[in-house]
Amino acid sequence: MDHALFALYVTGRAGLWFAFAGLFLIFGLKDAKPRAFVREANDLRWYVVIFAVLGVAQLLGGWFLGRRGGGAEG
């Protein structure tokens, strides 16, 4: 079970970095004037869901890993 939780945590953490990199890449490849950029960026509202899912995965993985008891109490 610990391996699955750690994989969930690492997937969320690394996935967020890749999502940020993808966001910068998408915005860097858009060829728009400053005013039109806001309208074009509005088409990427679905990308927020990626950040939310990966953030929740990292949060849950870290939470449940931290709550697991396993060592000697001392």
N, C-alpha and C. Protein backbone atom coordinates (compact mmCIF):
# COMPACT_ATOMS: atom_id res chain seq x y z
N MET A 1 0.82 -1.20 0.00
CA MET A 1 0.00 0.00 0.00
C MET A 1 0.86 1.27 0.00
N ASP A 2 2.00 1.19 0.71
CA ASP A 2 2.87 2.36 0.74
C ASP A 2 3.42 2.70 -0.63
N HIS A 3 3.68 1.68 -1.43
CA HIS A 3 4.21 1.92 -2.78
C HIS A 3 3.18 2.65 -3.64
N ALA A 4 1.93 2.27 -3.52
CA ALA A 4 0.87 2.93 -4.30
C ALA A 4 0.69 4.37 -3.84
N LEU A 5 0.73 4.62 -2.55
CA LEU A 5 0.60 5.99 -2.05
C LEU A 5 1.79 6.85 -2.47
N PHE A 6 2.98 6.27 -2.41
CA PHE A 6 4.16 7.02 -2.83
C PHE A 6 4.11 7.31 -4.33
N ALA A 7 3.64 6.34 -5.12
CA ALA A 7 3.50 6.56 -6.56
C ALA A 7 2.48 7.66 -6.84
N LEU A 8 1.39 7.69 -6.08
CA LEU A 8 0.38 8.74 -6.24
C LEU A 8 0.98 10.11 -5.91
N TYR A 9 1.75 10.16 -4.83
CA TYR A 9 2.38 11.41 -4.42
C TYR A 9 3.38 11.91 -5.47
N VAL A 10 4.24 11.01 -5.95
CA VAL A 10 5.25 11.40 -6.93
C VAL A 10 4.61 11.77 -8.27
N THR A 11 3.57 11.06 -8.64
CA THR A 11 2.86 11.38 -9.89
C THR A 11 2.26 12.78 -9.80
N GLY A 12 1.66 13.10 -8.68
CA GLY A 12 1.10 14.44 -8.51
C GLY A 12 2.17 15.50 -8.52
N ARG A 13 3.27 15.24 -7.87
CA ARG A 13 4.35 16.23 -7.77
C ARG A 13 5.02 16.45 -9.12
N ALA A 14 5.43 15.38 -9.77
CA ALA A 14 6.09 15.52 -11.07
C ALA A 14 5.10 16.01 -12.13
N GLY A 15 3.87 15.56 -12.02
CA GLY A 15 2.86 15.99 -12.99
C GLY A 15 2.61 17.48 -12.93
N LEU A 16 2.65 18.05 -11.74
CA LEU A 16 2.47 19.50 -11.63
C LEU A 16 3.59 20.26 -12.32
N TRP A 17 4.81 19.77 -12.18
CA TRP A 17 5.93 20.42 -12.87
C TRP A 17 5.77 20.32 -14.39
N PHE A 18 5.35 19.15 -14.87
CA PHE A 18 5.13 19.01 -16.30
C PHE A 18 3.95 19.86 -16.77
N ALA A 19 2.94 20.00 -15.94
CA ALA A 19 1.79 20.83 -16.30
C ALA A 19 2.20 22.30 -16.39
N PHE A 20 3.03 22.76 -15.44
CA PHE A 20 3.53 24.13 -15.52
C PHE A 20 4.38 24.34 -16.77
N ALA A 21 5.22 23.37 -17.08
CA ALA A 21 6.04 23.47 -18.29
C ALA A 21 5.16 23.51 -19.53
N GLY A 22 4.13 22.69 -19.55
CA GLY A 22 3.21 22.69 -20.68
C GLY A 22 2.46 24.00 -20.80
N LEU A 23 2.11 24.60 -19.67
CA LEU A 23 1.42 25.89 -19.70
C LEU A 23 2.31 26.97 -20.29
N PHE A 24 3.57 26.99 -19.86
CA PHE A 24 4.50 27.97 -20.42
C PHE A 24 4.73 27.72 -21.91
N LEU A 25 4.78 26.47 -22.30
CA LEU A 25 4.95 26.15 -23.72
C LEU A 25 3.75 26.60 -24.54
N ILE A 26 2.56 26.32 -24.04
CA ILE A 26 1.36 26.73 -24.76
C ILE A 26 1.29 28.24 -24.89
N PHE A 27 1.54 28.96 -23.79
CA PHE A 27 1.49 30.42 -23.84
C PHE A 27 2.63 30.98 -24.69
N GLY A 28 3.77 30.31 -24.72
CA GLY A 28 4.88 30.78 -25.53
C GLY A 28 4.64 30.59 -27.02
N LEU A 29 3.87 29.59 -27.38
CA LEU A 29 3.61 29.33 -28.79
C LEU A 29 2.44 30.13 -29.34
N LYS A 30 1.65 30.74 -28.47
CA LYS A 30 0.53 31.56 -28.94
C LYS A 30 1.09 32.84 -29.54
N ASP A 31 0.57 33.17 -30.69
CA ASP A 31 1.00 34.38 -31.37
C ASP A 31 -0.17 35.35 -31.36
N ALA A 32 -0.24 36.15 -30.32
CA ALA A 32 -1.36 37.07 -30.18
C ALA A 32 -0.88 38.39 -29.59
N LYS A 33 -1.64 39.42 -29.88
CA LYS A 33 -1.37 40.72 -29.30
C LYS A 33 -1.84 40.69 -27.85
N PRO A 34 -1.37 41.62 -27.02
CA PRO A 34 -1.71 41.57 -25.59
C PRO A 34 -3.21 41.51 -25.30
N ARG A 35 -4.02 42.27 -26.02
CA ARG A 35 -5.46 42.26 -25.75
C ARG A 35 -6.09 40.95 -26.21
N ALA A 36 -5.66 40.45 -27.33
CA ALA A 36 -6.22 39.20 -27.86
C ALA A 36 -5.72 37.99 -27.08
N PHE A 37 -4.62 38.16 -26.37
CA PHE A 37 -4.05 37.05 -25.61
C PHE A 37 -5.01 36.58 -24.52
N VAL A 38 -5.72 37.51 -23.90
CA VAL A 38 -6.66 37.14 -22.84
C VAL A 38 -7.79 36.29 -23.43
N ARG A 39 -8.26 36.66 -24.60
CA ARG A 39 -9.34 35.88 -25.24
C ARG A 39 -8.84 34.49 -25.63
N GLU A 40 -7.62 34.41 -26.13
CA GLU A 40 -7.09 33.11 -26.52
C GLU A 40 -6.78 32.25 -25.30
N ALA A 41 -6.31 32.87 -24.24
CA ALA A 41 -6.02 32.11 -23.02
C ALA A 41 -7.30 31.63 -22.35
N ASN A 42 -8.40 32.28 -22.62
CA ASN A 42 -9.69 31.86 -22.06
C ASN A 42 -10.11 30.49 -22.61
N ASP A 43 -9.60 30.12 -23.75
CA ASP A 43 -9.90 28.80 -24.31
C ASP A 43 -9.22 27.68 -23.54
N LEU A 44 -8.28 28.01 -22.69
CA LEU A 44 -7.54 27.01 -21.93
C LEU A 44 -8.07 26.84 -20.50
N ARG A 45 -9.32 27.15 -20.29
CA ARG A 45 -9.88 27.01 -18.94
C ARG A 45 -9.87 25.56 -18.48
N TRP A 46 -9.94 24.62 -19.40
CA TRP A 46 -9.94 23.19 -19.05
C TRP A 46 -8.60 22.79 -18.42
N TYR A 47 -7.55 23.55 -18.69
CA TYR A 47 -6.23 23.21 -18.17
C TYR A 47 -6.16 23.33 -16.66
N VAL A 48 -7.05 24.11 -16.08
CA VAL A 48 -7.11 24.26 -14.63
C VAL A 48 -7.45 22.93 -13.97
N VAL A 49 -8.25 22.11 -14.65
CA VAL A 49 -8.63 20.81 -14.10
C VAL A 49 -7.39 19.92 -13.93
N ILE A 50 -6.45 20.02 -14.83
CA ILE A 50 -5.22 19.23 -14.73
C ILE A 50 -4.47 19.60 -13.45
N PHE A 51 -4.35 20.89 -13.19
CA PHE A 51 -3.67 21.33 -11.97
C PHE A 51 -4.43 20.86 -10.73
N ALA A 52 -5.75 20.92 -10.78
CA ALA A 52 -6.55 20.51 -9.62
C ALA A 52 -6.39 19.01 -9.35
N VAL A 53 -6.47 18.20 -10.39
CA VAL A 53 -6.37 16.74 -10.21
C VAL A 53 -4.99 16.35 -9.70
N LEU A 54 -3.95 16.91 -10.29
CA LEU A 54 -2.60 16.58 -9.85
C LEU A 54 -2.31 17.11 -8.45
N GLY A 55 -2.83 18.27 -8.12
CA GLY A 55 -2.66 18.81 -6.78
C GLY A 55 -3.37 17.96 -5.73
N VAL A 56 -4.56 17.51 -6.04
CA VAL A 56 -5.29 16.65 -5.12
C VAL A 56 -4.58 15.31 -4.97
N ALA A 57 -4.05 14.77 -6.06
CA ALA A 57 -3.31 13.51 -5.99
C ALA A 57 -2.09 13.65 -5.08
N GLN A 58 -1.36 14.73 -5.21
CA GLN A 58 -0.19 14.96 -4.36
C GLN A 58 -0.62 15.15 -2.91
N LEU A 59 -1.66 15.91 -2.70
CA LEU A 59 -2.14 16.16 -1.34
C LEU A 59 -2.59 14.87 -0.66
N LEU A 60 -3.39 14.08 -1.35
CA LEU A 60 -3.88 12.83 -0.76
C LEU A 60 -2.75 11.83 -0.52
N GLY A 61 -1.86 11.71 -1.48
CA GLY A 61 -0.73 10.81 -1.31
C GLY A 61 0.12 11.19 -0.12
N GLY A 62 0.45 12.47 0.01
CA GLY A 62 1.25 12.94 1.13
C GLY A 62 0.51 12.82 2.45
N TRP A 63 -0.78 13.09 2.43
CA TRP A 63 -1.58 13.01 3.66
C TRP A 63 -1.61 11.58 4.19
N PHE A 64 -1.94 10.63 3.32
CA PHE A 64 -2.05 9.25 3.77
C PHE A 64 -0.70 8.62 4.08
N LEU A 65 0.35 9.06 3.40
CA LEU A 65 1.69 8.58 3.76
C LEU A 65 2.09 9.10 5.14
N GLY A 66 1.73 10.33 5.44
CA GLY A 66 2.08 10.90 6.73
C GLY A 66 1.27 10.31 7.87
N ARG A 67 0.08 9.83 7.59
CA ARG A 67 -0.78 9.28 8.63
C ARG A 67 -0.49 7.84 8.96
N ARG A 68 0.30 7.19 8.11
CA ARG A 68 0.57 5.76 8.35
C ARG A 68 1.58 5.61 9.47
N GLY A 69 1.23 4.80 10.44
CA GLY A 69 2.16 4.52 11.53
C GLY A 69 2.99 3.30 11.14
N GLY A 70 4.21 3.29 11.50
CA GLY A 70 5.02 2.14 11.12
C GLY A 70 6.30 2.02 11.91
N GLY A 71 6.70 3.08 12.53
CA GLY A 71 7.97 3.04 13.24
C GLY A 71 7.77 2.82 14.72
N ALA A 72 8.87 2.71 15.41
CA ALA A 72 8.82 2.56 16.86
C ALA A 72 8.48 3.91 17.48
N GLU A 73 7.59 3.90 18.41
CA GLU A 73 7.22 5.13 19.09
C GLU A 73 8.31 5.44 20.11
N GLY A 74 8.81 6.64 20.07
CA GLY A 74 9.88 6.82 20.99
C GLY A 74 10.17 8.17 21.41
